Amino acid sequence: MIPDERRKEIVRQVNKSDRVTVEELTEEFGVSEATIRRDLSSLAEDGLIERFHGGALPASEQEENGTTDSIDNPNGKRAIAERAIDELEDGDAVFFDTGPTAREVAKAIPEQVSLLAATNSPESAFELRETCGEVKVVGDSLRQTSDALVGPSAESYLRKTNFDIVFLETDAVQSDGGLSVSNEDEARIKTLLCEGGRHVILVADGSKLDSRSFREFATLDDIDMFITDVSLSDEMRRVFEQANVTVVDNLLAVP
């Protein structure tokens, strides 16, 4: 059973039974507990179920009406994540930036891949724990608006550490090739990630394109690959080509 079909069946069972456990779903579908936990996390973020420790409940009426917070463009972010993990190899040292798309990448990591994982996102750390075991979490203080860990210890760690792959997020990809975010502390972290990554992969959906935020932290010259869900405009494609960035786009196109 493919993941999308399994998740639909999980929702059906949750709604039918009013309460299911991870153990029950593991036995039902013949997959690992880590896989079921990732499925439940994904469904909960889409407002289709409610999670509790060890299982799931039907979504509340408020969630069914779409009034709770959920990830914008979940299908696009999942498509980006599923393509992004193709870049991983066993033994890679990988940093997962803070943000919903990088978190989707963390959730999509297959169990059979062995990674040295680090992140400044508590949510990504939780997801990575299921597949990578030990995860290096860096940062001094947690920003309320973005759930990003930032601060001097994170910056010091990143100055001294090299990564095979960095999955990088941004608030905006400017028309001039600049990358920018709304917070200076996060900008410093991202600049260091670009400097310390052998292969820097920008993961961002189409809403970030041709926009601008407060603090520029890098340019496309600092990026090796860009993965997005939409098809780039001719103008934006030229901007990426001029920076010699490998582009993987239009992931939601109908085959």
Protein backbone atom coordinates (compact mmCIF):
# COMPACT_ATOMS: atom_id res chain seq x y z
CA MET A 1 0.00 0.00 0.00
CA ILE A 2 1.39 3.39 -0.99
CA PRO A 3 1.67 6.09 1.74
CA ASP A 4 -1.26 8.21 0.51
CA GLU A 5 -3.59 5.20 0.47
CA ARG A 6 -2.42 4.13 3.92
CA ARG A 7 -3.05 7.60 5.33
CA LYS A 8 -6.56 7.70 3.87
CA GLU A 9 -7.28 4.34 5.47
CA ILE A 10 -5.89 5.57 8.79
CA VAL A 11 -8.30 8.53 8.73
CA ARG A 12 -11.17 6.17 7.95
CA GLN A 13 -10.26 3.89 10.84
CA VAL A 14 -9.81 6.77 13.27
CA ASN A 15 -13.23 8.19 12.39
CA LYS A 16 -14.84 4.75 12.63
CA SER A 17 -13.27 3.71 15.93
CA ASP A 18 -13.06 7.12 17.65
CA ARG A 19 -9.61 6.15 18.94
CA VAL A 20 -6.70 4.11 17.56
CA THR A 21 -3.19 3.46 18.86
CA VAL A 22 0.15 3.39 17.09
CA GLU A 23 0.49 -0.27 18.06
CA GLU A 24 -2.86 -1.15 16.47
CA LEU A 25 -2.02 0.67 13.24
CA THR A 26 1.43 -0.92 13.09
CA GLU A 27 -0.12 -4.38 13.23
CA GLU A 28 -2.87 -3.44 10.77
CA PHE A 29 -0.58 -2.08 8.04
CA GLY A 30 2.56 -4.12 8.66
CA VAL A 31 4.87 -1.11 8.88
CA SER A 32 7.08 0.25 11.65
CA GLU A 33 5.91 2.42 14.52
CA ALA A 34 8.13 5.23 13.17
CA THR A 35 6.26 5.13 9.85
CA ILE A 36 2.87 5.26 11.60
CA ARG A 37 4.00 8.16 13.79
CA ARG A 38 5.05 10.12 10.69
CA ASP A 39 1.69 9.36 9.07
CA LEU A 40 -0.16 10.58 12.16
CA SER A 41 1.94 13.75 12.36
CA SER A 42 1.23 14.51 8.72
CA LEU A 43 -2.52 13.89 9.08
CA ALA A 44 -2.70 15.97 12.25
CA GLU A 45 -0.98 18.91 10.54
CA ASP A 46 -3.59 18.72 7.77
CA GLY A 47 -6.35 18.83 10.40
CA LEU A 48 -7.66 15.36 9.51
CA ILE A 49 -7.07 13.79 12.94
CA GLU A 50 -6.00 14.77 16.44
CA ARG A 51 -2.87 13.19 17.89
CA PHE A 52 -2.33 12.06 21.45
CA HIS A 53 0.69 10.30 22.91
CA GLY A 54 0.58 6.82 21.38
CA GLY A 55 -2.32 7.24 18.99
CA ALA A 56 -4.97 9.39 17.33
CA LEU A 57 -8.53 10.65 17.70
CA PRO A 58 -11.01 12.01 15.12
CA ALA A 59 -10.53 15.65 14.19
CA SER A 60 -12.58 18.09 16.22
CA GLU A 61 -15.37 20.06 14.58
CA GLN A 62 -13.18 23.15 14.68
CA GLU A 63 -10.44 21.40 12.73
CA GLU A 64 -12.89 19.98 10.22
CA ASN A 65 -14.06 23.52 9.53
CA GLY A 66 -10.48 24.52 8.82
CA THR A 67 -10.19 27.08 11.58
CA THR A 68 -7.05 25.72 13.24
CA ASP A 69 -3.52 26.38 12.08
CA SER A 70 -2.18 23.98 9.47
CA ILE A 71 0.63 23.96 6.96
CA ASP A 72 -0.06 26.08 3.90
CA ASN A 73 0.19 24.11 0.65
CA PRO A 74 0.82 20.70 2.26
CA ASN A 75 0.77 18.86 -1.06
CA GLY A 76 3.42 21.12 -2.54
CA LYS A 77 5.66 20.82 0.50
CA ARG A 78 5.35 17.04 0.54
CA ALA A 79 6.22 16.85 -3.15
CA ILE A 80 9.32 18.96 -2.50
CA ALA A 81 10.30 16.75 0.43
CA GLU A 82 9.90 13.50 -1.49
CA ARG A 83 12.20 14.81 -4.22
CA ALA A 84 14.68 16.30 -1.76
CA ILE A 85 15.44 13.01 -0.01
CA ASP A 86 16.70 11.60 -3.32
CA GLU A 87 19.83 13.70 -2.75
CA LEU A 88 20.77 11.85 0.44
CA GLU A 89 23.37 9.11 0.79
CA ASP A 90 24.20 6.86 3.72
CA GLY A 91 26.55 8.52 6.17
CA ASP A 92 25.80 12.10 5.10
CA ALA A 93 26.05 14.85 7.68
CA VAL A 94 22.85 16.82 7.11
CA PHE A 95 21.45 20.03 8.59
CA PHE A 96 17.70 20.67 8.51
CA ASP A 97 16.84 24.36 8.69
CA THR A 98 13.80 25.66 10.56
CA GLY A 99 10.57 25.85 8.58
CA PRO A 100 7.61 23.78 7.39
CA THR A 101 9.20 22.57 4.15
CA ALA A 102 12.45 21.45 5.77
CA ARG A 103 10.34 19.75 8.43
CA GLU A 104 8.52 17.84 5.70
CA VAL A 105 11.92 16.72 4.41
CA ALA A 106 12.79 15.49 7.90
CA LYS A 107 9.51 13.58 8.06
CA ALA A 108 10.16 11.96 4.68
CA ILE A 109 13.56 10.46 5.58
CA PRO A 110 13.37 6.70 4.92
CA GLU A 111 14.28 4.40 7.78
CA GLN A 112 17.00 2.61 5.82
CA VAL A 113 19.13 5.77 5.40
CA SER A 114 21.79 6.37 8.07
CA LEU A 115 22.45 10.08 8.64
CA LEU A 116 24.29 12.36 11.04
CA ALA A 117 21.47 14.85 11.53
CA ALA A 118 21.47 18.33 13.05
CA THR A 119 18.81 21.03 13.22
CA ASN A 120 17.77 24.24 14.94
CA SER A 121 14.12 23.18 14.80
CA PRO A 122 12.64 21.28 17.77
CA GLU A 123 9.84 19.99 15.54
CA SER A 124 12.29 18.60 12.97
CA ALA A 125 14.35 17.08 15.78
CA PHE A 126 11.28 15.17 16.94
CA GLU A 127 10.70 13.83 13.43
CA LEU A 128 14.36 12.94 12.87
CA ARG A 129 14.54 11.06 16.16
CA GLU A 130 12.23 8.44 14.68
CA THR A 131 14.65 7.54 11.87
CA CYS A 132 18.07 8.90 12.79
CA GLY A 133 18.12 8.20 16.50
CA GLU A 134 20.50 10.77 17.94
CA VAL A 135 20.00 14.28 16.58
CA LYS A 136 22.18 17.33 17.29
CA VAL A 137 19.94 20.25 18.27
CA VAL A 138 21.64 23.65 18.22
CA GLY A 139 20.59 27.02 19.62
CA ASP A 140 20.22 29.06 22.81
CA SER A 141 16.76 30.59 22.62
CA LEU A 142 13.51 29.64 20.90
CA ARG A 143 11.78 32.26 18.75
CA GLN A 144 8.04 32.20 19.40
CA THR A 145 6.94 33.19 15.91
CA SER A 146 8.97 30.63 13.96
CA ASP A 147 9.99 27.98 16.52
CA ALA A 148 13.59 28.53 15.41
CA LEU A 149 16.44 28.01 17.85
CA VAL A 150 18.96 30.83 17.49
CA GLY A 151 21.77 32.46 19.44
CA PRO A 152 25.54 32.55 20.00
CA SER A 153 26.03 28.84 20.70
CA ALA A 154 24.29 27.89 17.45
CA GLU A 155 26.40 30.37 15.51
CA SER A 156 29.60 29.10 17.15
CA TYR A 157 28.70 25.49 16.37
CA LEU A 158 27.93 26.25 12.73
CA ARG A 159 31.20 28.16 12.22
CA LYS A 160 33.12 25.02 13.19
CA THR A 161 30.98 22.38 11.47
CA ASN A 162 30.77 21.20 7.87
CA PHE A 163 27.76 19.44 6.38
CA ASP A 164 27.44 17.29 3.28
CA ILE A 165 23.93 18.62 2.71
CA VAL A 166 21.97 21.58 4.06
CA PHE A 167 18.23 21.75 3.51
CA LEU A 168 17.72 25.51 3.60
CA GLU A 169 14.54 27.57 3.88
CA THR A 170 13.88 31.22 3.07
CA ASP A 171 11.04 33.68 3.47
CA ALA A 172 11.68 35.16 0.05
CA VAL A 173 13.53 34.56 -3.22
CA GLN A 174 14.05 38.03 -4.66
CA SER A 175 13.93 38.81 -8.36
CA ASP A 176 17.59 39.88 -8.16
CA GLY A 177 18.62 36.51 -6.72
CA GLY A 178 18.78 37.57 -3.08
CA LEU A 179 17.44 35.35 -0.30
CA SER A 180 15.88 37.10 2.68
CA VAL A 181 14.07 36.47 5.96
CA SER A 182 12.23 38.61 8.49
CA ASN A 183 14.57 38.16 11.46
CA GLU A 184 18.25 39.06 11.86
CA ASP A 185 19.06 36.21 14.26
CA GLU A 186 17.69 33.66 11.81
CA ALA A 187 19.49 35.41 8.95
CA ARG A 188 22.85 34.90 10.68
CA ILE A 189 22.13 31.19 11.13
CA LYS A 190 21.22 30.81 7.47
CA THR A 191 24.33 32.65 6.30
CA LEU A 192 26.48 30.23 8.29
CA LEU A 193 24.57 27.27 6.87
CA CYS A 194 25.34 28.44 3.34
CA GLU A 195 29.02 28.74 4.25
CA GLY A 196 29.22 25.34 5.93
CA GLY A 197 27.27 23.23 3.47
CA ARG A 198 29.03 21.30 0.70
CA HIS A 199 25.70 20.93 -1.13
CA VAL A 200 23.13 23.57 -0.17
CA ILE A 201 19.60 22.71 -1.27
CA LEU A 202 16.98 25.45 -1.09
CA VAL A 203 13.52 23.97 -0.46
CA ALA A 204 10.69 26.46 -0.93
CA ASP A 205 7.25 26.46 -2.47
CA GLY A 206 6.04 28.90 -5.08
CA SER A 207 4.75 31.44 -2.55
CA LYS A 208 8.35 32.46 -1.79
CA LEU A 209 9.26 33.36 -5.37
CA ASP A 210 9.72 36.93 -6.60
CA SER A 211 9.19 38.39 -3.13
CA ARG A 212 11.31 40.24 -0.59
CA SER A 213 11.76 40.17 3.17
CA PHE A 214 13.58 42.30 5.76
CA ARG A 215 17.11 40.84 5.99
CA GLU A 216 19.09 39.37 3.09
CA PHE A 217 21.27 36.47 4.23
CA ALA A 218 22.61 35.04 0.96
CA THR A 219 22.22 35.05 -2.80
CA LEU A 220 21.56 32.27 -5.27
CA ASP A 221 25.32 32.11 -5.85
CA ASP A 222 25.48 30.44 -2.42
CA ILE A 223 22.97 27.75 -3.43
CA ASP A 224 23.60 24.53 -5.36
CA MET A 225 20.06 23.27 -5.95
CA PHE A 226 16.52 24.63 -5.75
CA ILE A 227 13.51 22.33 -5.35
CA THR A 228 10.01 23.78 -5.68
CA ASP A 229 6.49 22.67 -6.46
CA VAL A 230 5.61 25.20 -9.17
CA SER A 231 6.94 25.85 -12.65
CA LEU A 232 9.30 28.82 -12.69
CA SER A 233 8.54 31.80 -14.86
CA ASP A 234 11.00 32.42 -17.67
CA GLU A 235 12.34 35.46 -15.82
CA MET A 236 12.93 33.60 -12.55
CA ARG A 237 14.45 30.64 -14.39
CA ARG A 238 17.02 32.97 -15.94
CA VAL A 239 17.92 34.29 -12.48
CA PHE A 240 18.64 30.74 -11.28
CA GLU A 241 20.51 29.83 -14.46
CA GLN A 242 22.77 32.88 -14.13
CA ALA A 243 23.74 31.65 -10.65
CA ASN A 244 24.36 28.10 -11.96
CA VAL A 245 21.74 26.64 -9.62
CA THR A 246 20.26 23.25 -10.51
CA VAL A 247 16.48 23.68 -10.59
CA VAL A 248 13.92 20.96 -9.92
CA ASP A 249 10.48 22.49 -10.39
CA ASN A 250 6.89 21.81 -11.44
CA LEU A 251 6.64 18.84 -9.06
CA LEU A 252 2.85 19.03 -8.87
CA ALA A 253 2.39 18.79 -12.63
CA VAL A 254 0.08 16.01 -13.77
CA PRO A 255 2.21 13.25 -15.35
